Amino acid sequence: MKRLLLLCITIIVFVSLSLSAREPEINGEYGWHVYVDSADNALPYRMLVPEQEQAGEVYPLVIFLHGAGESGTDNEKQLTYGASIFSNPVVAERNPAFVVFPQCKEKSWTGKVDKRMFMRGNPTPAESVYELMVMDLIRELIKSYPVDANRVYIVGISTGAVATYDLVCRYPEMFAAAVPICGAVNPDRLPGAKGVSFMIFHGEVDDTIPVICSREAYKTLKSAGATVDYVEFAGIGHDCWTMAFNTPSLLPWLFAQNKGDKASLAIVGN
């Protein structure tokens, strides 16, 4: 009986020590925040900041829009894909930046998704409340932190890529670069965003958002004179973001984009 009691105590102590000695979370560097707009709508977000901010320096701002599977209000799931490529200490050291992962409560950032909204000749749908909050958040971050307004980037996967296209088309003056991964857009809208640099990714056999969406986007942007690159993964379906994140040229390309003199002072809003 004494041996059994001693064994139980040993197990309890071991478990307690194990729990107290947990390793840090892989994306623990992302701070917890919530943006609340004038109508009391809340947008939770996580933010990575430069490890050592230098006085007088300004830094890029990266906005990452998650897909439908990471929606919710826990302010955690949106870090599932993409967050660790920026928190990687080598990347963070080479490319100090403000990296923001907001979380949408609904499955889609743009509201109800209708495939007709991606077809030529159809009208532009109304901007959703979540997109409005993302833009308000960007303006607030530019005002509150040492953000380089010439280097604001937006990245999105799946429904987040749909919103990436949508926001860049609505606010081309805001963004220096966009990285839509397996997204879709009405190509008629893209010439207005030709001043934004694009790197587009898609899986060849995507049965959720057909690859033709990205092919048409690339061709339209190219014809409009935009700076655009397109990477298509042969034999890969909708989940092509892992391969996109492991594309060696992605981050060097992204952090090299700069609007320069084209950036408008009006982007910070009123």
C-alpha atoms as a PDB file:
ATOM      1  CA  MET A   1       0.000   0.000   0.000  1.00  0.00           C
ATOM      2  CA  LYS A   2       2.869   2.347   0.842  1.00  0.00           C
ATOM      3  CA  ARG A   3       4.521   1.532  -2.491  1.00  0.00           C
ATOM      4  CA  LEU A   4       1.285   2.299  -4.372  1.00  0.00           C
ATOM      5  CA  LEU A   5       0.876   5.590  -2.502  1.00  0.00           C
ATOM      6  CA  LEU A   6       4.488   6.538  -3.270  1.00  0.00           C
ATOM      7  CA  LEU A   7       3.990   5.665  -6.938  1.00  0.00           C
ATOM      8  CA  CYS A   8       0.852   7.856  -7.128  1.00  0.00           C
ATOM      9  CA  ILE A   9       2.662  10.780  -5.492  1.00  0.00           C
ATOM     10  CA  THR A  10       5.588  10.364  -7.889  1.00  0.00           C
ATOM     11  CA  ILE A  11       3.263  10.419 -10.917  1.00  0.00           C
ATOM     12  CA  ILE A  12       1.448  13.536  -9.639  1.00  0.00           C
ATOM     13  CA  VAL A  13       4.756  15.348  -9.045  1.00  0.00           C
ATOM     14  CA  PHE A  14       6.073  14.310 -12.484  1.00  0.00           C
ATOM     15  CA  VAL A  15       2.913  15.504 -14.236  1.00  0.00           C
ATOM     16  CA  SER A  16       2.987  18.793 -12.335  1.00  0.00           C
ATOM     17  CA  LEU A  17       6.615  19.385 -13.275  1.00  0.00           C
ATOM     18  CA  SER A  18       5.897  18.505 -16.897  1.00  0.00           C
ATOM     19  CA  LEU A  19       3.035  20.970 -17.076  1.00  0.00           C
ATOM     20  CA  SER A  20       5.077  23.732 -15.484  1.00  0.00           C
ATOM     21  CA  ALA A  21       8.012  23.110 -17.847  1.00  0.00           C
ATOM     22  CA  ARG A  22       6.152  23.232 -21.149  1.00  0.00           C
ATOM     23  CA  GLU A  23       8.106  24.523 -24.080  1.00  0.00           C
ATOM     24  CA  PRO A  24       7.159  27.959 -25.411  1.00  0.00           C
ATOM     25  CA  GLU A  25       4.490  27.984 -28.118  1.00  0.00           C
ATOM     26  CA  ILE A  26       5.909  28.107 -31.636  1.00  0.00           C
ATOM     27  CA  ASN A  27       4.008  31.342 -32.352  1.00  0.00           C
ATOM     28  CA  GLY A  28       4.035  32.717 -28.833  1.00  0.00           C
ATOM     29  CA  GLU A  29       5.740  35.859 -30.139  1.00  0.00           C
ATOM     30  CA  TYR A  30       2.417  37.025 -31.599  1.00  0.00           C
ATOM     31  CA  GLY A  31       0.719  39.380 -29.153  1.00  0.00           C
ATOM     32  CA  TRP A  32      -3.021  39.225 -28.460  1.00  0.00           C
ATOM     33  CA  HIS A  33      -5.156  42.170 -29.586  1.00  0.00           C
ATOM     34  CA  VAL A  34      -8.751  43.086 -30.449  1.00  0.00           C
ATOM     35  CA  TYR A  35      -9.782  45.935 -32.719  1.00  0.00           C
ATOM     36  CA  VAL A  36     -13.215  47.443 -32.009  1.00  0.00           C
ATOM     37  CA  ASP A  37     -14.796  49.764 -34.564  1.00  0.00           C
ATOM     38  CA  SER A  38     -17.175  52.677 -33.991  1.00  0.00           C
ATOM     39  CA  ALA A  39     -20.171  50.313 -34.136  1.00  0.00           C
ATOM     40  CA  ASP A  40     -18.644  48.060 -31.449  1.00  0.00           C
ATOM     41  CA  ASN A  41     -17.844  45.297 -33.936  1.00  0.00           C
ATOM     42  CA  ALA A  42     -14.819  43.350 -32.718  1.00  0.00           C
ATOM     43  CA  LEU A  43     -11.976  41.954 -34.825  1.00  0.00           C
ATOM     44  CA  PRO A  44      -9.516  39.815 -32.857  1.00  0.00           C
ATOM     45  CA  TYR A  45      -5.984  39.766 -34.198  1.00  0.00           C
ATOM     46  CA  ARG A  46      -2.512  38.582 -33.349  1.00  0.00           C
ATOM     47  CA  MET A  47       0.536  40.698 -34.088  1.00  0.00           C
ATOM     48  CA  LEU A  48       4.239  40.035 -34.407  1.00  0.00           C
ATOM     49  CA  VAL A  49       6.425  43.102 -33.917  1.00  0.00           C
ATOM     50  CA  PRO A  50      10.092  43.732 -34.775  1.00  0.00           C
ATOM     51  CA  GLU A  51      12.254  42.269 -32.019  1.00  0.00           C
ATOM     52  CA  GLN A  52      14.320  45.412 -31.704  1.00  0.00           C
ATOM     53  CA  GLU A  53      12.797  48.602 -33.044  1.00  0.00           C
ATOM     54  CA  GLN A  54      15.369  51.224 -33.946  1.00  0.00           C
ATOM     55  CA  ALA A  55      14.595  54.886 -33.299  1.00  0.00           C
ATOM     56  CA  GLY A  56      13.645  56.665 -36.500  1.00  0.00           C
ATOM     57  CA  GLU A  57      13.193  53.420 -38.470  1.00  0.00           C
ATOM     58  CA  VAL A  58       9.946  52.329 -40.129  1.00  0.00           C
ATOM     59  CA  TYR A  59       9.003  48.734 -40.893  1.00  0.00           C
ATOM     60  CA  PRO A  60       6.826  46.802 -43.347  1.00  0.00           C
ATOM     61  CA  LEU A  61       3.310  45.761 -42.381  1.00  0.00           C
ATOM     62  CA  VAL A  62       2.083  42.315 -43.446  1.00  0.00           C
ATOM     63  CA  ILE A  63      -1.641  41.502 -43.241  1.00  0.00           C
ATOM     64  CA  PHE A  64      -2.465  37.783 -43.458  1.00  0.00           C
ATOM     65  CA  LEU A  65      -6.054  36.678 -44.140  1.00  0.00           C
ATOM     66  CA  HIS A  66      -6.845  33.093 -43.184  1.00  0.00           C
ATOM     67  CA  GLY A  67      -9.163  30.615 -44.900  1.00  0.00           C
ATOM     68  CA  ALA A  68     -12.604  29.320 -43.885  1.00  0.00           C
ATOM     69  CA  GLY A  69     -11.221  26.597 -41.629  1.00  0.00           C
ATOM     70  CA  GLU A  70      -9.542  29.079 -39.312  1.00  0.00           C
ATOM     71  CA  SER A  71     -12.551  31.340 -38.756  1.00  0.00           C
ATOM     72  CA  GLY A  72     -13.918  31.918 -35.279  1.00  0.00           C
ATOM     73  CA  THR A  73     -13.374  34.095 -32.205  1.00  0.00           C
ATOM     74  CA  ASP A  74     -10.689  32.231 -30.262  1.00  0.00           C
ATOM     75  CA  ASN A  75      -7.904  34.457 -31.657  1.00  0.00           C
ATOM     76  CA  GLU A  76      -5.740  31.363 -32.128  1.00  0.00           C
ATOM     77  CA  LYS A  77      -6.810  29.297 -35.121  1.00  0.00           C
ATOM     78  CA  GLN A  78      -5.821  31.989 -37.623  1.00  0.00           C
ATOM     79  CA  LEU A  79      -2.166  31.249 -36.799  1.00  0.00           C
ATOM     80  CA  THR A  80      -2.512  27.657 -38.057  1.00  0.00           C
ATOM     81  CA  TYR A  81      -1.090  28.402 -41.496  1.00  0.00           C
ATOM     82  CA  GLY A  82       1.566  30.946 -42.353  1.00  0.00           C
ATOM     83  CA  ALA A  83       2.360  32.433 -38.959  1.00  0.00           C
ATOM     84  CA  SER A  84       5.508  30.411 -38.326  1.00  0.00           C
ATOM     85  CA  ILE A  85       7.216  31.506 -41.544  1.00  0.00           C
ATOM     86  CA  PHE A  86       7.317  35.055 -40.147  1.00  0.00           C
ATOM     87  CA  SER A  87       8.114  34.111 -36.532  1.00  0.00           C
ATOM     88  CA  ASN A  88      11.021  31.940 -37.711  1.00  0.00           C
ATOM     89  CA  PRO A  89      13.906  33.721 -35.947  1.00  0.00           C
ATOM     90  CA  VAL A  90      16.075  33.883 -39.080  1.00  0.00           C
ATOM     91  CA  VAL A  91      13.259  35.445 -41.095  1.00  0.00           C
ATOM     92  CA  ALA A  92      12.370  37.845 -38.272  1.00  0.00           C
ATOM     93  CA  GLU A  93      15.999  38.932 -38.003  1.00  0.00           C
ATOM     94  CA  ARG A  94      16.443  39.491 -41.724  1.00  0.00           C
ATOM     95  CA  ASN A  95      13.039  41.051 -42.293  1.00  0.00           C
ATOM     96  CA  PRO A  96      11.829  42.857 -39.164  1.00  0.00           C
ATOM     97  CA  ALA A  97       8.183  43.712 -39.703  1.00  0.00           C
ATOM     98  CA  PHE A  98       4.782  44.098 -38.138  1.00  0.00           C
ATOM     99  CA  VAL A  99       2.877  40.945 -39.090  1.00  0.00           C
ATOM    100  CA  VAL A 100      -0.848  40.881 -38.347  1.00  0.00           C
ATOM    101  CA  PHE A 101      -3.210  37.887 -38.414  1.00  0.00           C
ATOM    102  CA  PRO A 102      -6.818  39.066 -37.905  1.00  0.00           C
ATOM    103  CA  GLN A 103      -9.565  36.484 -37.392  1.00  0.00           C
ATOM    104  CA  CYS A 104     -12.924  36.579 -39.139  1.00  0.00           C
ATOM    105  CA  LYS A 105     -15.902  35.189 -37.232  1.00  0.00           C
ATOM    106  CA  GLU A 106     -17.616  34.063 -40.440  1.00  0.00           C
ATOM    107  CA  LYS A 107     -16.375  31.514 -42.978  1.00  0.00           C
ATOM    108  CA  SER A 108     -15.766  34.196 -45.592  1.00  0.00           C
ATOM    109  CA  TRP A 109     -14.185  37.632 -45.251  1.00  0.00           C
ATOM    110  CA  THR A 110     -16.252  38.952 -48.157  1.00  0.00           C
ATOM    111  CA  GLY A 111     -19.655  37.781 -46.961  1.00  0.00           C
ATOM    112  CA  LYS A 112     -21.679  35.319 -49.002  1.00  0.00           C
ATOM    113  CA  VAL A 113     -19.592  33.902 -51.838  1.00  0.00           C
ATOM    114  CA  ASP A 114     -21.328  33.500 -55.188  1.00  0.00           C
ATOM    115  CA  LYS A 115     -19.271  32.163 -58.091  1.00  0.00           C
ATOM    116  CA  ARG A 116     -20.854  34.793 -60.329  1.00  0.00           C
ATOM    117  CA  MET A 117     -18.872  37.455 -58.474  1.00  0.00           C
ATOM    118  CA  PHE A 118     -15.743  36.028 -60.117  1.00  0.00           C
ATOM    119  CA  MET A 119     -17.106  36.153 -63.664  1.00  0.00           C
ATOM    120  CA  ARG A 120     -16.444  38.927 -66.155  1.00  0.00           C
ATOM    121  CA  GLY A 121     -19.238  41.388 -66.699  1.00  0.00           C
ATOM    122  CA  ASN A 122     -20.745  41.059 -63.229  1.00  0.00           C
ATOM    123  CA  PRO A 123     -21.000  43.978 -60.758  1.00  0.00           C
ATOM    124  CA  THR A 124     -18.691  44.324 -57.776  1.00  0.00           C
ATOM    125  CA  PRO A 125     -20.361  43.078 -54.576  1.00  0.00           C
ATOM    126  CA  ALA A 126     -20.690  45.338 -51.543  1.00  0.00           C
ATOM    127  CA  GLU A 127     -17.764  45.487 -49.148  1.00  0.00           C
ATOM    128  CA  SER A 128     -18.306  43.366 -46.055  1.00  0.00           C
ATOM    129  CA  VAL A 129     -18.110  44.605 -42.466  1.00  0.00           C
ATOM    130  CA  TYR A 130     -15.051  42.406 -41.917  1.00  0.00           C
ATOM    131  CA  GLU A 131     -13.226  43.941 -44.861  1.00  0.00           C
ATOM    132  CA  LEU A 132     -14.083  47.409 -43.594  1.00  0.00           C
ATOM    133  CA  MET A 133     -12.657  46.483 -40.191  1.00  0.00           C
ATOM    134  CA  VAL A 134      -9.466  45.120 -41.747  1.00  0.00           C
ATOM    135  CA  MET A 135      -8.946  48.406 -43.594  1.00  0.00           C
ATOM    136  CA  ASP A 136      -9.697  50.443 -40.469  1.00  0.00           C
ATOM    137  CA  LEU A 137      -7.231  48.289 -38.544  1.00  0.00           C
ATOM    138  CA  ILE A 138      -4.523  48.879 -41.160  1.00  0.00           C
ATOM    139  CA  ARG A 139      -5.034  52.654 -40.935  1.00  0.00           C
ATOM    140  CA  GLU A 140      -4.919  52.500 -37.145  1.00  0.00           C
ATOM    141  CA  LEU A 141      -1.691  50.478 -37.180  1.00  0.00           C
ATOM    142  CA  ILE A 142      -0.057  52.944 -39.576  1.00  0.00           C
ATOM    143  CA  LYS A 143      -0.974  55.774 -37.218  1.00  0.00           C
ATOM    144  CA  SER A 144       0.082  53.998 -34.026  1.00  0.00           C
ATOM    145  CA  TYR A 145       3.275  52.151 -34.980  1.00  0.00           C
ATOM    146  CA  PRO A 146       6.404  52.933 -37.011  1.00  0.00           C
ATOM    147  CA  VAL A 147       4.972  51.370 -40.168  1.00  0.00           C
ATOM    148  CA  ASP A 148       6.391  52.149 -43.594  1.00  0.00           C
ATOM    149  CA  ALA A 149       3.303  53.170 -45.585  1.00  0.00           C
ATOM    150  CA  ASN A 150       5.198  52.324 -48.777  1.00  0.00           C
ATOM    151  CA  ARG A 151       5.538  48.692 -47.702  1.00  0.00           C
ATOM    152  CA  VAL A 152       2.107  47.398 -46.754  1.00  0.00           C
ATOM    153  CA  TYR A 153       1.615  43.820 -47.954  1.00  0.00           C
ATOM    154  CA  ILE A 154      -1.427  41.542 -47.945  1.00  0.00           C
ATOM    155  CA  VAL A 155      -1.375  37.736 -48.088  1.00  0.00           C
ATOM    156  CA  GLY A 156      -4.379  35.412 -48.139  1.00  0.00           C
ATOM    157  CA  ILE A 157      -5.221  31.744 -48.527  1.00  0.00           C
ATOM    158  CA  SER A 158      -8.472  30.376 -50.014  1.00  0.00           C
ATOM    159  CA  THR A 159     -11.331  32.664 -48.912  1.00  0.00           C
ATOM    160  CA  GLY A 160      -8.633  34.912 -47.498  1.00  0.00           C
ATOM    161  CA  ALA A 161      -7.142  35.100 -50.995  1.00  0.00           C
ATOM    162  CA  VAL A 162     -10.563  36.071 -52.372  1.00  0.00           C
ATOM    163  CA  ALA A 163     -10.584  38.943 -49.866  1.00  0.00           C
ATOM    164  CA  THR A 164      -6.975  39.785 -50.742  1.00  0.00           C
ATOM    165  CA  TYR A 165      -7.950  40.340 -54.363  1.00  0.00           C
ATOM    166  CA  ASP A 166     -11.061  42.232 -53.334  1.00  0.00           C
ATOM    167  CA  LEU A 167      -9.290  44.636 -50.982  1.00  0.00           C
ATOM    168  CA  VAL A 168      -6.435  45.291 -53.393  1.00  0.00           C
ATOM    169  CA  CYS A 169      -8.947  46.121 -56.123  1.00  0.00           C
ATOM    170  CA  ARG A 170     -10.828  48.464 -53.779  1.00  0.00           C
ATOM    171  CA  TYR A 171      -7.742  50.102 -52.258  1.00  0.00           C
ATOM    172  CA  PRO A 172      -4.826  49.769 -54.700  1.00  0.00           C
ATOM    173  CA  GLU A 173      -3.175  52.862 -53.223  1.00  0.00           C
ATOM    174  CA  MET A 174      -2.811  51.102 -49.867  1.00  0.00           C
ATOM    175  CA  PHE A 175      -0.811  48.047 -50.864  1.00  0.00           C
ATOM    176  CA  ALA A 176       2.664  47.564 -52.297  1.00  0.00           C
ATOM    177  CA  ALA A 177       2.216  43.824 -52.832  1.00  0.00           C
ATOM    178  CA  ALA A 178      -0.383  41.071 -52.724  1.00  0.00           C
ATOM    179  CA  VAL A 179       0.025  37.297 -52.446  1.00  0.00           C
ATOM    180  CA  PRO A 180      -3.273  35.507 -53.195  1.00  0.00           C
ATOM    181  CA  ILE A 181      -2.921  31.748 -52.689  1.00  0.00           C
ATOM    182  CA  CYS A 182      -5.662  29.647 -54.351  1.00  0.00           C
ATOM    183  CA  GLY A 183      -8.029  32.608 -54.638  1.00  0.00           C
ATOM    184  CA  ALA A 184     -10.417  34.075 -57.215  1.00  0.00           C
ATOM    185  CA  VAL A 185     -11.481  37.471 -58.542  1.00  0.00           C
ATOM    186  CA  ASN A 186     -13.478  38.971 -61.383  1.00  0.00           C
ATOM    187  CA  PRO A 187     -10.641  39.717 -63.858  1.00  0.00           C
ATOM    188  CA  ASP A 188     -12.414  42.874 -65.023  1.00  0.00           C
ATOM    189  CA  ARG A 189     -11.464  44.510 -61.714  1.00  0.00           C
ATOM    190  CA  LEU A 190      -7.729  43.847 -61.892  1.00  0.00           C
ATOM    191  CA  PRO A 191      -6.472  46.564 -64.280  1.00  0.00           C
ATOM    192  CA  GLY A 192      -7.284  49.127 -61.594  1.00  0.00           C
ATOM    193  CA  ALA A 193      -4.794  47.368 -59.301  1.00  0.00           C
ATOM    194  CA  LYS A 194      -1.933  47.250 -61.796  1.00  0.00           C
ATOM    195  CA  GLY A 195       0.187  49.453 -59.535  1.00  0.00           C
ATOM    196  CA  VAL A 196       0.319  46.648 -56.947  1.00  0.00           C
ATOM    197  CA  SER A 197       2.889  43.855 -57.323  1.00  0.00           C
ATOM    198  CA  PHE A 198       1.418  40.332 -57.295  1.00  0.00           C
ATOM    199  CA  MET A 199       2.762  36.859 -56.626  1.00  0.00           C
ATOM    200  CA  ILE A 200      -0.041  34.371 -57.274  1.00  0.00           C
ATOM    201  CA  PHE A 201      -0.087  30.674 -56.282  1.00  0.00           C
ATOM    202  CA  HIS A 202      -2.532  27.885 -57.152  1.00  0.00           C
ATOM    203  CA  GLY A 203      -2.747  24.091 -57.246  1.00  0.00           C
ATOM    204  CA  GLU A 204      -3.350  22.603 -60.684  1.00  0.00           C
ATOM    205  CA  VAL A 205      -6.087  20.175 -59.568  1.00  0.00           C
ATOM    206  CA  ASP A 206      -7.843  22.447 -57.047  1.00  0.00           C
ATOM    207  CA  ASP A 207     -11.483  21.298 -56.909  1.00  0.00           C
ATOM    208  CA  THR A 208     -12.559  24.030 -54.466  1.00  0.00           C
ATOM    209  CA  ILE A 209     -11.440  27.145 -56.347  1.00  0.00           C
ATOM    210  CA  PRO A 210     -10.537  26.162 -59.936  1.00  0.00           C
ATOM    211  CA  VAL A 211      -7.029  26.940 -61.144  1.00  0.00           C
ATOM    212  CA  ILE A 212      -8.457  28.875 -64.092  1.00  0.00           C
ATOM    213  CA  CYS A 213      -9.222  31.695 -61.626  1.00  0.00           C
ATOM    214  CA  SER A 214      -5.527  32.333 -60.980  1.00  0.00           C
ATOM    215  CA  ARG A 215      -4.539  31.770 -64.593  1.00  0.00           C
ATOM    216  CA  GLU A 216      -7.006  34.412 -65.740  1.00  0.00           C
ATOM    217  CA  ALA A 217      -5.890  36.802 -63.008  1.00  0.00           C
ATOM    218  CA  TYR A 218      -2.267  36.426 -64.074  1.00  0.00           C
ATOM    219  CA  LYS A 219      -3.003  36.977 -67.763  1.00  0.00           C
ATOM    220  CA  THR A 220      -5.165  40.031 -67.051  1.00  0.00           C
ATOM    221  CA  LEU A 221      -2.595  41.640 -64.759  1.00  0.00           C
ATOM    222  CA  LYS A 222       0.193  40.905 -67.220  1.00  0.00           C
ATOM    223  CA  SER A 223      -1.771  42.513 -70.056  1.00  0.00           C
ATOM    224  CA  ALA A 224      -2.429  45.565 -67.875  1.00  0.00           C
ATOM    225  CA  GLY A 225       1.303  46.065 -67.302  1.00  0.00           C
ATOM    226  CA  ALA A 226       1.391  44.954 -63.680  1.00  0.00           C
ATOM    227  CA  THR A 227       4.376  43.385 -61.944  1.00  0.00           C
ATOM    228  CA  VAL A 228       3.082  39.850 -61.515  1.00  0.00           C
ATOM    229  CA  ASP A 229       4.443  36.335 -61.068  1.00  0.00           C
ATOM    230  CA  TYR A 230       2.459  33.111 -61.061  1.00  0.00           C
ATOM    231  CA  VAL A 231       3.391  29.728 -59.602  1.00  0.00           C
ATOM    232  CA  GLU A 232       1.226  26.696 -60.338  1.00  0.00           C
ATOM    233  CA  PHE A 233       1.837  23.426 -58.505  1.00  0.00           C
ATOM    234  CA  ALA A 234       1.320  20.399 -60.761  1.00  0.00           C
ATOM    235  CA  GLY A 235      -0.849  17.657 -59.279  1.00  0.00           C
ATOM    236  CA  ILE A 236      -1.668  19.672 -56.145  1.00  0.00           C
ATOM    237  CA  GLY A 237      -5.187  20.471 -54.963  1.00  0.00           C
ATOM    238  CA  HIS A 238      -6.642  23.268 -52.886  1.00  0.00           C
ATOM    239  CA  ASP A 239      -4.139  23.006 -50.038  1.00  0.00           C
ATOM    240  CA  CYS A 240      -1.230  24.480 -51.962  1.00  0.00           C
ATOM    241  CA  TRP A 241      -0.288  27.039 -49.311  1.00  0.00           C
ATOM    242  CA  THR A 242       2.288  24.781 -47.667  1.00  0.00           C
ATOM    243  CA  MET A 243       4.174  24.581 -50.949  1.00  0.00           C
ATOM    244  CA  ALA A 244       3.721  28.322 -51.468  1.00  0.00           C
ATOM    245  CA  PHE A 245       5.198  29.085 -48.036  1.00  0.00           C
ATOM    246  CA  ASN A 246       8.198  26.908 -48.908  1.00  0.00           C
ATOM    247  CA  THR A 247       8.851  28.690 -52.194  1.00  0.00           C
ATOM    248  CA  PRO A 248      12.360  30.143 -51.660  1.00  0.00           C
ATOM    249  CA  SER A 249      11.678  33.341 -53.591  1.00  0.00           C
ATOM    250  CA  LEU A 250       8.475  34.282 -51.742  1.00  0.00           C
ATOM    251  CA  LEU A 251       9.765  36.218 -48.727  1.00  0.00           C
ATOM    252  CA  PRO A 252      12.723  37.927 -50.445  1.00  0.00           C
ATOM    253  CA  TRP A 253      10.332  39.031 -53.188  1.00  0.00           C
ATOM    254  CA  LEU A 254       7.674  40.204 -50.735  1.00  0.00           C
ATOM    255  CA  PHE A 255       9.947  42.301 -48.543  1.00  0.00           C
ATOM    256  CA  ALA A 256      11.595  43.883 -51.587  1.00  0.00           C
ATOM    257  CA  GLN A 257       8.329  45.472 -52.748  1.00  0.00           C
ATOM    258  CA  ASN A 258       8.056  49.224 -52.185  1.00  0.00           C
ATOM    259  CA  LYS A 259       5.528  51.669 -53.566  1.00  0.00           C
ATOM    260  CA  GLY A 260       8.044  54.483 -53.243  1.00  0.00           C
ATOM    261  CA  ASP A 261       6.752  57.829 -54.398  1.00  0.00           C
ATOM    262  CA  LYS A 262       3.482  56.246 -55.558  1.00  0.00           C
ATOM    263  CA  ALA A 263       2.178  55.862 -52.013  1.00  0.00           C
ATOM    264  CA  SER A 264      -0.589  58.294 -51.168  1.00  0.00           C
ATOM    265  CA  LEU A 265      -0.644  60.185 -47.916  1.00  0.00           C
ATOM    266  CA  ALA A 266      -4.402  59.749 -47.987  1.00  0.00           C
ATOM    267  CA  ILE A 267      -4.135  56.067 -47.028  1.00  0.00           C
ATOM    268  CA  VAL A 268      -4.094  56.868 -43.322  1.00  0.00           C
ATOM    269  CA  GLY A 269      -7.613  58.207 -43.625  1.00  0.00           C
ATOM    270  CA  ASN A 270      -9.209  60.880 -41.468  1.00  0.00           C
END
